[in-house]
Amino acid sequence: MAEAGLGWQQILASLTTRPAEHFGEGASRGRLAPGMQADIVAFSGDPSADVTAFADVAFVIRQGRMVYQALD
């Protein structure tokens, strides 16, 4: 996506708010805010400094449960 000219903010939106809105769940998913469902993906690096960090997932929390944690 970065090679196509998208910035990190656009890539992040394509992974979060855009799908939530597309599937009619923008009111409850796609961002971290009070009252929203807390599905979280954390990266090991900083995607704003290096977009390849989007591929380096540290952990995933879905519906309040850890569903993935990278091995150290």
PDB file of N, CA and C in Angstrom:
ATOM      1  N   MET A   1       0.832  -1.190   0.000  1.00  0.00           N
ATOM      2  CA  MET A   1       0.000   0.000   0.000  1.00  0.00           C
ATOM      3  C   MET A   1       0.875   1.251   0.000  1.00  0.00           C
ATOM      4  N   ALA A   2       1.961   1.196   0.758  1.00  0.00           N
ATOM      5  CA  ALA A   2       2.876   2.336   0.777  1.00  0.00           C
ATOM      6  C   ALA A   2       3.499   2.540  -0.597  1.00  0.00           C
ATOM      7  N   GLU A   3       3.804   1.437  -1.277  1.00  0.00           N
ATOM      8  CA  GLU A   3       4.370   1.540  -2.618  1.00  0.00           C
ATOM      9  C   GLU A   3       3.376   2.159  -3.597  1.00  0.00           C
ATOM     10  N   ALA A   4       2.102   2.054  -3.300  1.00  0.00           N
ATOM     11  CA  ALA A   4       1.066   2.659  -4.143  1.00  0.00           C
ATOM     12  C   ALA A   4       0.861   4.134  -3.803  1.00  0.00           C
ATOM     13  N   GLY A   5       1.606   4.630  -2.806  1.00  0.00           N
ATOM     14  CA  GLY A   5       1.543   6.042  -2.464  1.00  0.00           C
ATOM     15  C   GLY A   5       0.706   6.387  -1.255  1.00  0.00           C
ATOM     16  N   LEU A   6       0.195   5.374  -0.549  1.00  0.00           N
ATOM     17  CA  LEU A   6      -0.598   5.659   0.648  1.00  0.00           C
ATOM     18  C   LEU A   6       0.318   5.934   1.832  1.00  0.00           C
ATOM     19  N   GLY A   7      -0.066   6.883   2.653  1.00  0.00           N
ATOM     20  CA  GLY A   7       0.659   7.179   3.883  1.00  0.00           C
ATOM     21  C   GLY A   7       0.219   6.260   5.006  1.00  0.00           C
ATOM     22  N   TRP A   8       0.944   6.298   6.119  1.00  0.00           N
ATOM     23  CA  TRP A   8       0.632   5.390   7.227  1.00  0.00           C
ATOM     24  C   TRP A   8      -0.776   5.620   7.767  1.00  0.00           C
ATOM     25  N   GLN A   9      -1.255   6.886   7.759  1.00  0.00           N
ATOM     26  CA  GLN A   9      -2.605   7.159   8.257  1.00  0.00           C
ATOM     27  C   GLN A   9      -3.650   6.487   7.382  1.00  0.00           C
ATOM     28  N   GLN A  10      -3.459   6.514   6.074  1.00  0.00           N
ATOM     29  CA  GLN A  10      -4.399   5.880   5.153  1.00  0.00           C
ATOM     30  C   GLN A  10      -4.353   4.360   5.287  1.00  0.00           C
ATOM     31  N   ILE A  11      -3.164   3.818   5.484  1.00  0.00           N
ATOM     32  CA  ILE A  11      -3.039   2.372   5.682  1.00  0.00           C
ATOM     33  C   ILE A  11      -3.737   1.966   6.971  1.00  0.00           C
ATOM     34  N   LEU A  12      -3.516   2.719   8.044  1.00  0.00           N
ATOM     35  CA  LEU A  12      -4.174   2.424   9.317  1.00  0.00           C
ATOM     36  C   LEU A  12      -5.692   2.484   9.170  1.00  0.00           C
ATOM     37  N   ALA A  13      -6.201   3.490   8.493  1.00  0.00           N
ATOM     38  CA  ALA A  13      -7.650   3.605   8.285  1.00  0.00           C
ATOM     39  C   ALA A  13      -8.178   2.412   7.490  1.00  0.00           C
ATOM     40  N   SER A  14      -7.391   1.920   6.542  1.00  0.00           N
ATOM     41  CA  SER A  14      -7.843   0.769   5.741  1.00  0.00           C
ATOM     42  C   SER A  14      -7.929  -0.503   6.570  1.00  0.00           C
ATOM     43  N   LEU A  15      -7.277  -0.511   7.713  1.00  0.00           N
ATOM     44  CA  LEU A  15      -7.293  -1.673   8.606  1.00  0.00           C
ATOM     45  C   LEU A  15      -8.264  -1.511   9.771  1.00  0.00           C
ATOM     46  N   THR A  16      -8.789  -0.317   9.974  1.00  0.00           N
ATOM     47  CA  THR A  16      -9.586  -0.045  11.173  1.00  0.00           C
ATOM     48  C   THR A  16     -10.938   0.587  10.836  1.00  0.00           C
ATOM     49  N   THR A  17     -10.966   1.893  10.685  1.00  0.00           N
ATOM     50  CA  THR A  17     -12.226   2.610  10.521  1.00  0.00           C
ATOM     51  C   THR A  17     -12.948   2.298   9.217  1.00  0.00           C
ATOM     52  N   ARG A  18     -12.218   2.152   8.126  1.00  0.00           N
ATOM     53  CA  ARG A  18     -12.858   1.899   6.828  1.00  0.00           C
ATOM     54  C   ARG A  18     -13.631   0.567   6.803  1.00  0.00           C
ATOM     55  N   PRO A  19     -13.044  -0.558   7.230  1.00  0.00           N
ATOM     56  CA  PRO A  19     -13.826  -1.802   7.243  1.00  0.00           C
ATOM     57  C   PRO A  19     -15.026  -1.721   8.190  1.00  0.00           C
ATOM     58  N   ALA A  20     -14.840  -1.092   9.354  1.00  0.00           N
ATOM     59  CA  ALA A  20     -15.947  -0.963  10.305  1.00  0.00           C
ATOM     60  C   ALA A  20     -17.103  -0.201   9.665  1.00  0.00           C
ATOM     61  N   GLU A  21     -16.792   0.889   8.982  1.00  0.00           N
ATOM     62  CA  GLU A  21     -17.832   1.670   8.312  1.00  0.00           C
ATOM     63  C   GLU A  21     -18.460   0.869   7.168  1.00  0.00           C
ATOM     64  N   HIS A  22     -17.644   0.198   6.391  1.00  0.00           N
ATOM     65  CA  HIS A  22     -18.145  -0.586   5.258  1.00  0.00           C
ATOM     66  C   HIS A  22     -19.149  -1.649   5.701  1.00  0.00           C
ATOM     67  N   PHE A  23     -18.875  -2.287   6.835  1.00  0.00           N
ATOM     68  CA  PHE A  23     -19.754  -3.349   7.322  1.00  0.00           C
ATOM     69  C   PHE A  23     -20.824  -2.837   8.287  1.00  0.00           C
ATOM     70  N   GLY A  24     -21.008  -1.519   8.345  1.00  0.00           N
ATOM     71  CA  GLY A  24     -22.074  -0.942   9.150  1.00  0.00           C
ATOM     72  C   GLY A  24     -21.826  -0.991  10.649  1.00  0.00           C
ATOM     73  N   GLU A  25     -20.558  -1.102  11.056  1.00  0.00           N
ATOM     74  CA  GLU A  25     -20.238  -1.194  12.476  1.00  0.00           C
ATOM     75  C   GLU A  25     -19.395  -0.013  12.959  1.00  0.00           C
ATOM     76  N   GLY A  26     -19.402   1.064  12.209  1.00  0.00           N
ATOM     77  CA  GLY A  26     -18.597   2.224  12.562  1.00  0.00           C
ATOM     78  C   GLY A  26     -18.951   2.858  13.895  1.00  0.00           C
ATOM     79  N   ALA A  27     -20.158   2.633  14.383  1.00  0.00           N
ATOM     80  CA  ALA A  27     -20.565   3.206  15.669  1.00  0.00           C
ATOM     81  C   ALA A  27     -20.002   2.432  16.854  1.00  0.00           C
ATOM     82  N   SER A  28     -19.542   1.185  16.621  1.00  0.00           N
ATOM     83  CA  SER A  28     -19.063   0.382  17.747  1.00  0.00           C
ATOM     84  C   SER A  28     -17.671  -0.218  17.552  1.00  0.00           C
ATOM     85  N   ARG A  29     -17.129  -0.118  16.344  1.00  0.00           N
ATOM     86  CA  ARG A  29     -15.819  -0.727  16.062  1.00  0.00           C
ATOM     87  C   ARG A  29     -14.956   0.209  15.212  1.00  0.00           C
ATOM     88  N   GLY A  30     -13.677  -0.099  15.171  1.00  0.00           N
ATOM     89  CA  GLY A  30     -12.782   0.600  14.254  1.00  0.00           C
ATOM     90  C   GLY A  30     -11.904   1.659  14.876  1.00  0.00           C
ATOM     91  N   ARG A  31     -12.151   1.996  16.138  1.00  0.00           N
ATOM     92  CA  ARG A  31     -11.311   2.981  16.824  1.00  0.00           C
ATOM     93  C   ARG A  31     -11.388   2.758  18.323  1.00  0.00           C
ATOM     94  N   LEU A  32     -10.428   3.313  19.028  1.00  0.00           N
ATOM     95  CA  LEU A  32     -10.416   3.218  20.487  1.00  0.00           C
ATOM     96  C   LEU A  32     -11.040   4.479  21.068  1.00  0.00           C
ATOM     97  N   ALA A  33     -12.157   4.298  21.744  1.00  0.00           N
ATOM     98  CA  ALA A  33     -12.867   5.413  22.367  1.00  0.00           C
ATOM     99  C   ALA A  33     -13.852   4.840  23.376  1.00  0.00           C
ATOM    100  N   PRO A  34     -14.263   5.639  24.374  1.00  0.00           N
ATOM    101  CA  PRO A  34     -15.244   5.159  25.340  1.00  0.00           C
ATOM    102  C   PRO A  34     -16.503   4.652  24.636  1.00  0.00           C
ATOM    103  N   GLY A  35     -16.981   3.494  25.071  1.00  0.00           N
ATOM    104  CA  GLY A  35     -18.181   2.905  24.521  1.00  0.00           C
ATOM    105  C   GLY A  35     -17.967   2.027  23.299  1.00  0.00           C
ATOM    106  N   MET A  36     -16.752   2.042  22.762  1.00  0.00           N
ATOM    107  CA  MET A  36     -16.456   1.221  21.588  1.00  0.00           C
ATOM    108  C   MET A  36     -15.997  -0.160  22.044  1.00  0.00           C
ATOM    109  N   GLN A  37     -16.148  -1.172  21.172  1.00  0.00           N
ATOM    110  CA  GLN A  37     -15.622  -2.498  21.472  1.00  0.00           C
ATOM    111  C   GLN A  37     -14.108  -2.418  21.404  1.00  0.00           C
ATOM    112  N   ALA A  38     -13.441  -2.995  22.374  1.00  0.00           N
ATOM    113  CA  ALA A  38     -11.991  -2.840  22.500  1.00  0.00           C
ATOM    114  C   ALA A  38     -11.224  -3.967  21.820  1.00  0.00           C
ATOM    115  N   ASP A  39     -11.272  -3.999  20.499  1.00  0.00           N
ATOM    116  CA  ASP A  39     -10.426  -4.908  19.743  1.00  0.00           C
ATOM    117  C   ASP A  39      -9.143  -4.134  19.430  1.00  0.00           C
ATOM    118  N   ILE A  40      -8.000  -4.700  19.810  1.00  0.00           N
ATOM    119  CA  ILE A  40      -6.734  -3.969  19.713  1.00  0.00           C
ATOM    120  C   ILE A  40      -5.683  -4.821  19.029  1.00  0.00           C
ATOM    121  N   VAL A  41      -4.950  -4.201  18.116  1.00  0.00           N
ATOM    122  CA  VAL A  41      -3.760  -4.807  17.531  1.00  0.00           C
ATOM    123  C   VAL A  41      -2.604  -3.873  17.865  1.00  0.00           C
ATOM    124  N   ALA A  42      -1.577  -4.413  18.508  1.00  0.00           N
ATOM    125  CA  ALA A  42      -0.395  -3.629  18.848  1.00  0.00           C
ATOM    126  C   ALA A  42       0.779  -4.103  18.001  1.00  0.00           C
ATOM    127  N   PHE A  43       1.542  -3.151  17.516  1.00  0.00           N
ATOM    128  CA  PHE A  43       2.696  -3.457  16.680  1.00  0.00           C
ATOM    129  C   PHE A  43       3.978  -3.321  17.481  1.00  0.00           C
ATOM    130  N   SER A  44       4.989  -4.059  17.090  1.00  0.00           N
ATOM    131  CA  SER A  44       6.281  -3.989  17.775  1.00  0.00           C
ATOM    132  C   SER A  44       7.025  -2.705  17.442  1.00  0.00           C
ATOM    133  N   GLY A  45       6.744  -2.140  16.292  1.00  0.00           N
ATOM    134  CA  GLY A  45       7.402  -0.903  15.870  1.00  0.00           C
ATOM    135  C   GLY A  45       6.400   0.219  15.716  1.00  0.00           C
ATOM    136  N   ASP A  46       6.855   1.312  15.169  1.00  0.00           N
ATOM    137  CA  ASP A  46       6.047   2.515  14.983  1.00  0.00           C
ATOM    138  C   ASP A  46       5.713   2.675  13.497  1.00  0.00           C
ATOM    139  N   PRO A  47       4.476   2.375  13.095  1.00  0.00           N
ATOM    140  CA  PRO A  47       4.112   2.487  11.682  1.00  0.00           C
ATOM    141  C   PRO A  47       4.250   3.900  11.120  1.00  0.00           C
ATOM    142  N   SER A  48       4.188   4.909  11.976  1.00  0.00           N
ATOM    143  CA  SER A  48       4.339   6.275  11.461  1.00  0.00           C
ATOM    144  C   SER A  48       5.783   6.555  11.048  1.00  0.00           C
ATOM    145  N   ALA A  49       6.723   5.795  11.591  1.00  0.00           N
ATOM    146  CA  ALA A  49       8.136   5.942  11.228  1.00  0.00           C
ATOM    147  C   ALA A  49       8.543   4.963  10.130  1.00  0.00           C
ATOM    148  N   ASP A  50       7.874   3.793  10.089  1.00  0.00           N
ATOM    149  CA  ASP A  50       8.215   2.752   9.121  1.00  0.00           C
ATOM    150  C   ASP A  50       6.980   1.893   8.895  1.00  0.00           C
ATOM    151  N   VAL A  51       6.376   2.013   7.720  1.00  0.00           N
ATOM    152  CA  VAL A  51       5.117   1.307   7.458  1.00  0.00           C
ATOM    153  C   VAL A  51       5.251  -0.208   7.511  1.00  0.00           C
ATOM    154  N   THR A  52       6.453  -0.749   7.426  1.00  0.00           N
ATOM    155  CA  THR A  52       6.608  -2.203   7.529  1.00  0.00           C
ATOM    156  C   THR A  52       6.270  -2.693   8.938  1.00  0.00           C
ATOM    157  N   ALA A  53       6.176  -1.780   9.904  1.00  0.00           N
ATOM    158  CA  ALA A  53       5.789  -2.149  11.272  1.00  0.00           C
ATOM    159  C   ALA A  53       4.372  -2.716  11.317  1.00  0.00           C
ATOM    160  N   PHE A  54       3.531  -2.380  10.329  1.00  0.00           N
ATOM    161  CA  PHE A  54       2.183  -2.954  10.279  1.00  0.00           C
ATOM    162  C   PHE A  54       2.227  -4.478  10.178  1.00  0.00           C
ATOM    163  N   ALA A  55       3.326  -5.019   9.689  1.00  0.00           N
ATOM    164  CA  ALA A  55       3.459  -6.477   9.542  1.00  0.00           C
ATOM    165  C   ALA A  55       4.073  -7.136  10.768  1.00  0.00           C
ATOM    166  N   ASP A  56       4.490  -6.345  11.737  1.00  0.00           N
ATOM    167  CA  ASP A  56       5.155  -6.870  12.930  1.00  0.00           C
ATOM    168  C   ASP A  56       4.222  -6.753  14.130  1.00  0.00           C
ATOM    169  N   VAL A  57       3.252  -7.658  14.206  1.00  0.00           N
ATOM    170  CA  VAL A  57       2.219  -7.614  15.247  1.00  0.00           C
ATOM    171  C   VAL A  57       2.772  -8.170  16.557  1.00  0.00           C
ATOM    172  N   ALA A  58       2.646  -7.399  17.635  1.00  0.00           N
ATOM    173  CA  ALA A  58       3.101  -7.824  18.963  1.00  0.00           C
ATOM    174  C   ALA A  58       2.013  -8.626  19.672  1.00  0.00           C
ATOM    175  N   PHE A  59       0.761  -8.114  19.636  1.00  0.00           N
ATOM    176  CA  PHE A  59      -0.352  -8.858  20.230  1.00  0.00           C
ATOM    177  C   PHE A  59      -1.671  -8.370  19.664  1.00  0.00           C
ATOM    178  N   VAL A  60      -2.706  -9.217  19.852  1.00  0.00           N
ATOM    179  CA  VAL A  60      -4.067  -8.896  19.416  1.00  0.00           C
ATOM    180  C   VAL A  60      -5.018  -9.219  20.566  1.00  0.00           C
ATOM    181  N   ILE A  61      -5.878  -8.266  20.882  1.00  0.00           N
ATOM    182  CA  ILE A  61      -6.934  -8.472  21.870  1.00  0.00           C
ATOM    183  C   ILE A  61      -8.261  -8.348  21.136  1.00  0.00           C
ATOM    184  N   ARG A  62      -9.091  -9.349  21.276  1.00  0.00           N
ATOM    185  CA  ARG A  62     -10.411  -9.372  20.620  1.00  0.00           C
ATOM    186  C   ARG A  62     -11.463  -9.658  21.680  1.00  0.00           C
ATOM    187  N   GLN A  63     -12.433  -8.780  21.781  1.00  0.00           N
ATOM    188  CA  GLN A  63     -13.507  -8.896  22.769  1.00  0.00           C
ATOM    189  C   GLN A  63     -12.941  -9.111  24.177  1.00  0.00           C
ATOM    190  N   GLY A  64     -11.877  -8.375  24.497  1.00  0.00           N
ATOM    191  CA  GLY A  64     -11.293  -8.407  25.829  1.00  0.00           C
ATOM    192  C   GLY A  64     -10.375  -9.586  26.118  1.00  0.00           C
ATOM    193  N   ARG A  65     -10.119 -10.446  25.131  1.00  0.00           N
ATOM    194  CA  ARG A  65      -9.265 -11.616  25.338  1.00  0.00           C
ATOM    195  C   ARG A  65      -8.054 -11.556  24.418  1.00  0.00           C
ATOM    196  N   MET A  66      -6.914 -11.922  24.964  1.00  0.00           N
ATOM    197  CA  MET A  66      -5.702 -12.012  24.161  1.00  0.00           C
ATOM    198  C   MET A  66      -5.848 -13.208  23.222  1.00  0.00           C
ATOM    199  N   VAL A  67      -5.851 -12.950  21.914  1.00  0.00           N
ATOM    200  CA  VAL A  67      -6.000 -14.034  20.948  1.00  0.00           C
ATOM    201  C   VAL A  67      -4.705 -14.330  20.194  1.00  0.00           C
ATOM    202  N   TYR A  68      -3.728 -13.422  20.336  1.00  0.00           N
ATOM    203  CA  TYR A  68      -2.419 -13.646  19.718  1.00  0.00           C
ATOM    204  C   TYR A  68      -1.382 -12.858  20.482  1.00  0.00           C
ATOM    205  N   GLN A  69      -0.238 -13.495  20.713  1.00  0.00           N
ATOM    206  CA  GLN A  69       0.902 -12.792  21.293  1.00  0.00           C
ATOM    207  C   GLN A  69       2.157 -13.354  20.627  1.00  0.00           C
ATOM    208  N   ALA A  70       2.952 -12.458  20.059  1.00  0.00           N
ATOM    209  CA  ALA A  70       4.172 -12.870  19.383  1.00  0.00           C
ATOM    210  C   ALA A  70       5.134 -13.502  20.377  1.00  0.00           C
ATOM    211  N   LEU A  71       5.857 -14.469  19.910  1.00  0.00           N
ATOM    212  CA  LEU A  71       6.886 -15.090  20.735  1.00  0.00           C
ATOM    213  C   LEU A  71       8.114 -14.202  20.747  1.00  0.00           C
ATOM    214  N   ASP A  72       8.729 -14.089  21.894  1.00  0.00           N
ATOM    215  CA  ASP A  72       9.970 -13.278  21.990  1.00  0.00           C
ATOM    216  C   ASP A  72      11.163 -14.058  21.542  1.00  0.00           C
TER     217      ASP A  72
END
